[in-house]
Amino acid sequence: MSRIAEDEIGMAVLNILATRPRGRATVRQLIEEVPKHVSLSAEDQAESSTRTKEEVWEQKVRNLKSHSTRPGNIFHEGFVVQVSRGLWEISGIGRRHVAKAAAA
C-alpha cells in the first residue's frame, strides 16, 4: 500500500466538515476524524521527517491550507475557507461537491 494522496485527505476533510454543526472543525478535530474515513498505510503513519511528533498523513492535513494556491486543492477550489487560524468551514460550493461525489 502506498501513501495516501493529498486530494484523498482533502475529500475526507470535506466529508467530515459536511457532517459537522455549522460545517466547521478545528484542524485538531479533523486530524482526530480523518483516520475513520480513509485507509492509512504504514508509510502514512510513519513520523514526518520535517514535523516531529507528527505522522506523515497528519502533515498532509495541515498542508491543505499551506498548498492553497494549487489547482485541485480544497481551499483553492473554494470548497473550504479558513474562519480563523486552525478553524475551517465548508462552503456552499464544497457542500455541492460532496453531494456530487456521493451521487457518482
Protein backbone atom coordinates (compact mmCIF):
# COMPACT_ATOMS: atom_id res chain seq x y z
CA MET A 1 0.00 0.00 0.00
CA SER A 2 1.39 3.41 -0.94
CA ARG A 3 0.99 6.77 0.74
CA ILE A 4 -2.37 8.47 0.66
CA ALA A 5 -2.66 11.40 -1.75
CA GLU A 6 -3.33 14.92 -0.52
CA ASP A 7 -6.53 15.08 -2.60
CA GLU A 8 -7.84 11.97 -0.79
CA ILE A 9 -7.13 13.68 2.53
CA GLY A 10 -8.93 16.76 1.18
CA MET A 11 -12.02 14.75 0.28
CA ALA A 12 -12.06 13.17 3.75
CA VAL A 13 -11.86 16.65 5.28
CA LEU A 14 -14.78 17.80 3.09
CA ASN A 15 -16.87 14.81 4.14
CA ILE A 16 -16.12 15.46 7.80
CA LEU A 17 -16.94 19.16 7.57
CA ALA A 18 -20.19 18.39 5.73
CA THR A 19 -21.42 16.44 8.77
CA ARG A 20 -20.36 18.95 11.44
CA PRO A 21 -22.58 21.59 13.04
CA ARG A 22 -22.18 24.78 11.01
CA GLY A 23 -19.77 22.86 8.75
CA ARG A 24 -16.83 23.78 10.96
CA ALA A 25 -14.00 21.94 12.64
CA THR A 26 -10.59 22.72 14.01
CA VAL A 27 -7.55 21.17 12.38
CA ARG A 28 -7.07 19.11 15.55
CA GLN A 29 -10.64 17.75 15.28
CA LEU A 30 -10.06 16.93 11.61
CA ILE A 31 -6.86 15.07 12.44
CA GLU A 32 -8.81 13.03 15.00
CA GLU A 33 -11.51 12.16 12.45
CA VAL A 34 -9.61 11.57 9.19
CA PRO A 35 -8.45 8.01 10.06
CA LYS A 36 -12.12 6.99 10.35
CA HIS A 37 -12.64 7.96 6.69
CA VAL A 38 -9.52 6.72 4.90
CA SER A 39 -7.14 3.78 4.87
CA LEU A 40 -3.68 4.74 6.09
CA SER A 41 -0.62 2.71 5.19
CA ALA A 42 2.38 2.14 7.42
CA GLU A 43 4.16 4.78 5.31
CA ASP A 44 1.37 7.27 6.07
CA GLN A 45 1.69 6.55 9.76
CA ALA A 46 5.46 6.98 9.86
CA GLU A 47 6.82 10.00 11.70
CA SER A 48 7.21 13.04 9.48
CA SER A 49 10.82 13.93 8.72
CA THR A 50 10.02 17.64 8.87
CA ARG A 51 7.49 17.79 11.72
CA THR A 52 8.47 15.88 14.82
CA LYS A 53 5.73 14.12 16.80
CA GLU A 54 3.50 14.17 13.72
CA GLU A 55 2.72 11.39 11.27
CA VAL A 56 3.09 11.91 7.52
CA TRP A 57 -0.68 11.89 6.92
CA GLU A 58 -1.24 14.50 9.67
CA GLN A 59 1.19 16.78 7.87
CA LYS A 60 -0.90 16.34 4.72
CA VAL A 61 -3.98 17.62 6.56
CA ARG A 62 -2.07 20.77 7.55
CA ASN A 63 -0.62 21.04 4.04
CA LEU A 64 -4.11 21.51 2.63
CA LYS A 65 -4.01 25.11 3.84
CA SER A 66 -0.36 25.75 3.00
CA HIS A 67 -0.88 24.38 -0.54
CA SER A 68 -3.98 26.50 -1.12
CA THR A 69 -2.67 28.01 -4.36
CA ARG A 70 -2.56 24.63 -6.13
CA PRO A 71 -5.42 23.82 -8.50
CA GLY A 72 -7.49 20.95 -7.12
CA ASN A 73 -6.76 21.93 -3.52
CA ILE A 74 -9.91 22.27 -1.38
CA PHE A 75 -9.05 25.87 -0.46
CA HIS A 76 -8.04 26.84 -3.99
CA GLU A 77 -11.32 25.48 -5.38
CA GLY A 78 -13.34 27.38 -2.77
CA PHE A 79 -14.67 24.22 -1.11
CA VAL A 80 -13.28 25.21 2.30
CA VAL A 81 -12.49 28.55 3.91
CA GLN A 82 -10.40 29.33 6.95
CA VAL A 83 -12.62 31.06 9.51
CA SER A 84 -9.74 31.74 11.87
CA ARG A 85 -6.36 30.20 12.48
CA GLY A 86 -6.91 26.46 12.77
CA LEU A 87 -10.68 26.62 12.18
CA TRP A 88 -12.02 25.57 8.78
CA GLU A 89 -15.53 25.70 7.31
CA ILE A 90 -17.06 24.02 4.29
CA SER A 91 -18.59 26.43 1.77
CA GLY A 92 -21.77 26.02 -0.26
CA ILE A 93 -19.63 25.05 -3.23
CA GLY A 94 -17.92 22.47 -1.03
CA ARG A 95 -21.26 21.02 0.05
CA ARG A 96 -22.34 20.69 -3.60
CA HIS A 97 -19.02 19.00 -4.41
CA VAL A 98 -19.54 16.45 -1.60
CA ALA A 99 -23.11 15.75 -2.77
CA LYS A 100 -21.96 15.31 -6.37
CA ALA A 101 -19.17 12.93 -5.32
CA ALA A 102 -21.60 10.89 -3.19
CA ALA A 103 -24.01 10.59 -6.10
CA ALA A 104 -21.32 9.36 -8.51
